[in-house]
């Protein structure tokens, strides 16, 4: 049982990590991208754009929290 708990604890820490908003944003972007592809749109560019925006927002949030300008 301990191995199962450790397995899921690892994946939780790996995926969620320090910033759960990035993980949630990626999940939402994957769902939206999937729905748009099913609707017939070409949206290969959406995921890289979302990742860049989420990364920038995360770095800005940390910089603001630590007092870095």
N, C-alpha and C. Protein backbone atom coordinates (compact mmCIF):
# COMPACT_ATOMS: atom_id res chain seq x y z
N UNK A 1 0.82 -1.19 0.00
CA UNK A 1 0.00 0.00 0.00
C UNK A 1 0.87 1.27 0.00
N UNK A 2 2.00 1.19 0.69
CA UNK A 2 2.89 2.34 0.78
C UNK A 2 3.43 2.72 -0.60
N UNK A 3 3.68 1.73 -1.45
CA UNK A 3 4.20 2.00 -2.78
C UNK A 3 3.16 2.72 -3.65
N UNK A 4 1.92 2.35 -3.50
CA UNK A 4 0.86 2.99 -4.28
C UNK A 4 0.71 4.45 -3.87
N UNK A 5 0.73 4.70 -2.58
CA UNK A 5 0.63 6.08 -2.09
C UNK A 5 1.83 6.90 -2.57
N UNK A 6 3.02 6.32 -2.50
CA UNK A 6 4.22 7.02 -2.95
C UNK A 6 4.16 7.29 -4.45
N UNK A 7 3.64 6.35 -5.22
CA UNK A 7 3.50 6.52 -6.67
C UNK A 7 2.62 7.71 -6.99
N UNK A 8 1.44 7.77 -6.37
CA UNK A 8 0.53 8.88 -6.64
C UNK A 8 1.03 10.19 -6.06
N UNK A 9 1.74 10.14 -4.96
CA UNK A 9 2.32 11.36 -4.38
C UNK A 9 3.38 11.93 -5.33
N UNK A 10 4.17 11.06 -5.93
CA UNK A 10 5.16 11.52 -6.90
C UNK A 10 4.50 12.21 -8.08
N UNK A 11 3.49 11.58 -8.65
CA UNK A 11 2.85 12.16 -9.83
C UNK A 11 2.12 13.44 -9.49
N UNK A 12 1.53 13.52 -8.32
CA UNK A 12 0.87 14.75 -7.89
C UNK A 12 1.90 15.87 -7.79
N UNK A 13 3.01 15.60 -7.14
CA UNK A 13 4.05 16.61 -6.98
C UNK A 13 4.68 16.97 -8.32
N UNK A 14 4.84 16.00 -9.20
CA UNK A 14 5.45 16.24 -10.52
C UNK A 14 4.54 17.09 -11.39
N UNK A 15 3.26 16.81 -11.43
CA UNK A 15 2.33 17.51 -12.31
C UNK A 15 1.90 18.85 -11.70
N UNK A 16 1.48 18.83 -10.47
CA UNK A 16 0.99 20.05 -9.83
C UNK A 16 2.16 20.94 -9.44
N UNK A 17 3.17 20.36 -8.81
CA UNK A 17 4.38 21.11 -8.46
C UNK A 17 4.11 22.29 -7.56
N UNK A 18 4.82 23.37 -7.83
CA UNK A 18 4.69 24.57 -7.00
C UNK A 18 3.53 25.46 -7.42
N UNK A 19 3.09 25.35 -8.65
CA UNK A 19 2.08 26.28 -9.17
C UNK A 19 0.95 25.49 -9.83
N UNK A 20 -0.13 25.30 -9.10
CA UNK A 20 -1.25 24.50 -9.61
C UNK A 20 -1.97 25.22 -10.76
N UNK A 21 -1.82 26.55 -10.85
CA UNK A 21 -2.53 27.27 -11.90
C UNK A 21 -1.97 26.93 -13.28
N UNK A 22 -0.68 26.65 -13.37
CA UNK A 22 -0.10 26.25 -14.65
C UNK A 22 -0.65 24.89 -15.07
N UNK A 23 -0.71 23.96 -14.13
CA UNK A 23 -1.26 22.63 -14.45
C UNK A 23 -2.72 22.72 -14.87
N UNK A 24 -3.50 23.53 -14.16
CA UNK A 24 -4.91 23.69 -14.51
C UNK A 24 -5.06 24.37 -15.87
N UNK A 25 -4.22 25.35 -16.16
CA UNK A 25 -4.28 26.03 -17.45
C UNK A 25 -3.94 25.10 -18.61
N UNK A 26 -2.96 24.22 -18.40
CA UNK A 26 -2.60 23.26 -19.44
C UNK A 26 -3.73 22.28 -19.68
N UNK A 27 -4.37 21.81 -18.63
CA UNK A 27 -5.50 20.88 -18.78
C UNK A 27 -6.64 21.55 -19.54
N UNK A 28 -6.97 22.79 -19.17
CA UNK A 28 -8.03 23.51 -19.87
C UNK A 28 -7.66 23.72 -21.34
N UNK A 29 -6.41 24.09 -21.60
CA UNK A 29 -5.97 24.30 -22.98
C UNK A 29 -6.03 23.01 -23.79
N UNK A 30 -5.68 21.89 -23.18
CA UNK A 30 -5.77 20.61 -23.88
C UNK A 30 -7.22 20.28 -24.23
N UNK A 31 -8.12 20.52 -23.31
CA UNK A 31 -9.54 20.25 -23.57
C UNK A 31 -10.06 21.15 -24.68
N UNK A 32 -9.75 22.45 -24.61
CA UNK A 32 -10.21 23.39 -25.64
C UNK A 32 -9.60 23.03 -26.99
N UNK A 33 -8.32 22.70 -27.01
CA UNK A 33 -7.67 22.31 -28.27
C UNK A 33 -8.33 21.06 -28.85
N UNK A 34 -8.59 20.09 -28.01
CA UNK A 34 -9.24 18.86 -28.48
C UNK A 34 -10.62 19.13 -29.05
N UNK A 35 -11.38 19.97 -28.39
CA UNK A 35 -12.72 20.30 -28.88
C UNK A 35 -12.67 21.06 -30.20
N UNK A 36 -11.72 21.97 -30.32
CA UNK A 36 -11.59 22.71 -31.58
C UNK A 36 -11.14 21.81 -32.73
N UNK A 37 -10.25 20.86 -32.44
CA UNK A 37 -9.82 19.91 -33.48
C UNK A 37 -11.00 19.04 -33.90
N UNK A 38 -11.81 18.60 -32.95
CA UNK A 38 -12.99 17.81 -33.30
C UNK A 38 -13.99 18.61 -34.14
N UNK A 39 -14.01 19.92 -33.94
CA UNK A 39 -14.89 20.78 -34.71
C UNK A 39 -14.34 21.09 -36.10
N UNK A 40 -13.10 20.66 -36.36
CA UNK A 40 -12.54 20.83 -37.69
C UNK A 40 -11.58 21.99 -37.86
N UNK A 41 -11.19 22.62 -36.77
CA UNK A 41 -10.25 23.74 -36.84
C UNK A 41 -8.81 23.23 -36.76
N UNK A 42 -7.91 23.99 -37.35
CA UNK A 42 -6.48 23.70 -37.25
C UNK A 42 -5.91 24.61 -36.17
N UNK A 43 -5.62 24.05 -35.01
CA UNK A 43 -5.19 24.86 -33.86
C UNK A 43 -3.91 24.31 -33.25
N UNK A 44 -2.97 23.89 -34.08
CA UNK A 44 -1.71 23.36 -33.58
C UNK A 44 -0.94 24.42 -32.80
N UNK A 45 -1.17 25.66 -33.08
CA UNK A 45 -0.45 26.78 -32.49
C UNK A 45 -0.97 27.15 -31.10
N UNK A 46 -2.13 26.64 -30.73
CA UNK A 46 -2.76 27.06 -29.47
C UNK A 46 -1.98 26.61 -28.24
N UNK A 47 -1.54 25.36 -28.20
CA UNK A 47 -0.82 24.87 -27.02
C UNK A 47 0.49 25.59 -26.78
N UNK A 48 1.35 25.79 -27.78
CA UNK A 48 2.58 26.56 -27.51
C UNK A 48 2.28 27.98 -27.02
N UNK A 49 1.26 28.60 -27.56
CA UNK A 49 0.90 29.94 -27.13
C UNK A 49 0.44 29.94 -25.67
N UNK A 50 -0.41 29.00 -25.31
CA UNK A 50 -0.91 28.91 -23.94
C UNK A 50 0.24 28.64 -22.97
N UNK A 51 1.15 27.76 -23.35
CA UNK A 51 2.28 27.46 -22.47
C UNK A 51 3.15 28.70 -22.26
N UNK A 52 3.40 29.45 -23.32
CA UNK A 52 4.19 30.69 -23.19
C UNK A 52 3.49 31.70 -22.28
N UNK A 53 2.20 31.86 -22.45
CA UNK A 53 1.45 32.80 -21.62
C UNK A 53 1.45 32.35 -20.16
N UNK A 54 1.21 31.07 -19.92
CA UNK A 54 1.19 30.56 -18.55
C UNK A 54 2.57 30.67 -17.90
N UNK A 55 3.61 30.39 -18.65
CA UNK A 55 4.96 30.51 -18.12
C UNK A 55 5.28 31.96 -17.76
N UNK A 56 4.95 32.87 -18.65
CA UNK A 56 5.18 34.28 -18.38
C UNK A 56 4.41 34.77 -17.17
N UNK A 57 3.16 34.36 -17.04
CA UNK A 57 2.35 34.76 -15.88
C UNK A 57 2.91 34.17 -14.60
N UNK A 58 3.38 32.93 -14.65
CA UNK A 58 3.94 32.30 -13.47
C UNK A 58 5.22 32.98 -13.03
N UNK A 59 6.09 33.29 -13.97
CA UNK A 59 7.35 33.97 -13.64
C UNK A 59 7.07 35.36 -13.09
N UNK A 60 6.12 36.07 -13.69
CA UNK A 60 5.78 37.41 -13.22
C UNK A 60 5.20 37.35 -11.80
N UNK A 61 4.36 36.37 -11.52
CA UNK A 61 3.76 36.22 -10.20
C UNK A 61 4.84 35.95 -9.15
N UNK A 62 5.80 35.09 -9.47
CA UNK A 62 6.88 34.79 -8.53
C UNK A 62 7.78 36.00 -8.33
N UNK A 63 8.08 36.71 -9.42
CA UNK A 63 8.93 37.90 -9.32
C UNK A 63 8.26 38.96 -8.45
N UNK A 64 6.98 39.12 -8.60
CA UNK A 64 6.24 40.09 -7.79
C UNK A 64 6.21 39.68 -6.33
N UNK A 65 6.07 38.38 -6.08
CA UNK A 65 6.00 37.88 -4.70
C UNK A 65 7.34 38.00 -3.98
N UNK A 66 8.43 37.89 -4.72
CA UNK A 66 9.75 37.96 -4.09
C UNK A 66 10.29 39.38 -4.05
N UNK A 67 9.60 40.31 -4.67
CA UNK A 67 10.03 41.69 -4.66
C UNK A 67 11.00 42.04 -5.77
N UNK A 68 11.28 41.13 -6.67
CA UNK A 68 12.17 41.40 -7.80
C UNK A 68 11.43 42.26 -8.82
N UNK A 69 12.14 43.16 -9.42
CA UNK A 69 11.52 44.05 -10.41
C UNK A 69 11.95 43.69 -11.78
